[in-house]
Each structure stands twice: as structure tokens, then as C-alpha cells.
Amino acid sequence: MTIVWLIRHGESEANAGIRVLENATTNLTTKGREQAHLIPQVFDKQPPSLIVTSPYIRTKQTAEPTIRRFPSTPQVEWLIQEFSFLSRERRRNTTLTERRPMSADYWSKCDPLYVDGDGAESFTDMIERVQDFRYKAGELDEQLVAVFTHETFIRAFLWSTLTNTTKIDSRAMSRFRAFMKSLKVPNCGIIKLEFRDSEIWLNGIVTSHLN
């Protein structure tokens, strides 16, 4: 059995409504860094045996305090980054509020194969990354894996696991959108999972360390 903790990054500049240039290089805010420093205490009873981050800066910044606390723990980078469904050109130098109409337009298309342009991926591409993560996590022989990732990726993993959806079409995309709206994962919130052979057990969202 492998225990996997999905940890959302701390508050980012984009989360705070600040204008950002690029999704991958968006930094944490001061509040986000403070949140990140609260994470190592959650590992007091058992240190992580592996630390995983996405390629995005904000997950690496969130993981920094935990890495400093457990410097001998191996670290790897997996493609568990946020879902970038808008082209790089359209999202560059925008705020969250400015991106909302573009986001609404994207989801209204309900086309899982649609790619908005350079730097964007389709819904199907994102789900394939989720499935790849599920396979990699299931193959691990580790005691406790700390995975620093993003809210939409966490939601997509939970949705695909709970619904066991295999056919990615417009109907599945619509259902995911409804699921996503119903589930909020706070910055630095933790989803605790247990991988038991072919089964995945969900132990809820942990936020007590943030109080």
C-alpha cells in the first residue's frame, strides 16, 4: 500500500487577482509562502519518502519548506501541472477577472479535442496526464508520497477515479465541469489517498494545518 497526499500549491499571484505573464512562471504571494511553511508540520508522524512537484514554479515554491525539512527525501517532477486550456497569447498579461469570459467561452464549446492555440492543451490531453499520474502513483513502492500539484488537476483525478470514466466525450466534459464547480480545494489543502493494489481509497480534504 502506498499513501499519496495531493497538495494544492499556496496562494499564487493569479489566485490573488494579480496580472500574470505566464501560467508556468506565476509565483506565490506572501500569503502563499506563509501557507507553504505550514505544510511540513503535517509530516510530523511520518516523513515523506518521495516528493513530487509539477513543472510550474508555484508548486516548487510550495514544496520548498518541506524539502528543507526533509533534505534526504528524493524529489521528482511529473506532468501534473494545471490545465492550460487558453492559448499563451490570450492569457498573457491578464488577470483572473479578465480571463473569466474566455474561460466561459471555452467550457461552453464542450469539445474535449479543442485546442485554443499555442501553449494550450485539450481536455482530452489533460485527462491523459491524469491517467498517467494514476498509473505512476499506483506503481510506486513508497510509504508516503507528497505530491505538490494544482486544483483542477486534483479535481480531474478525483472525478476520473470516483466516476471511473473512460470515454472522454462532450458529455463527460460537461459532467466534469459540474463536478469541478461543486468541489473547492483550498490553497495548501491536502487530499489523502491510499493506493491498495487496483483500488484507491479517499480519506477526505485536510485543512486543519491552515487554521
Foldseek 3Di string as FASTA:
>chain_A
DAKEKEWEQFAWCQNVFHFAAFPQETAHDPRRLVLLLLPLVVCPPHQWQEEEEESGPRLVSSCVNSCVVPVVRYYDYANQEDAFQAASVVRGRGHPVSCVVVVVVVLVVLFQQDHNDHPHGGVVVLLVSLVVVVVVSLPDPTHYYYYYYHLLSVLSNVVCQVVVDDDRGSVSSVVSVVSSVVDDAHHRKIWMWDRDNPHIDTDDIDDVSVD
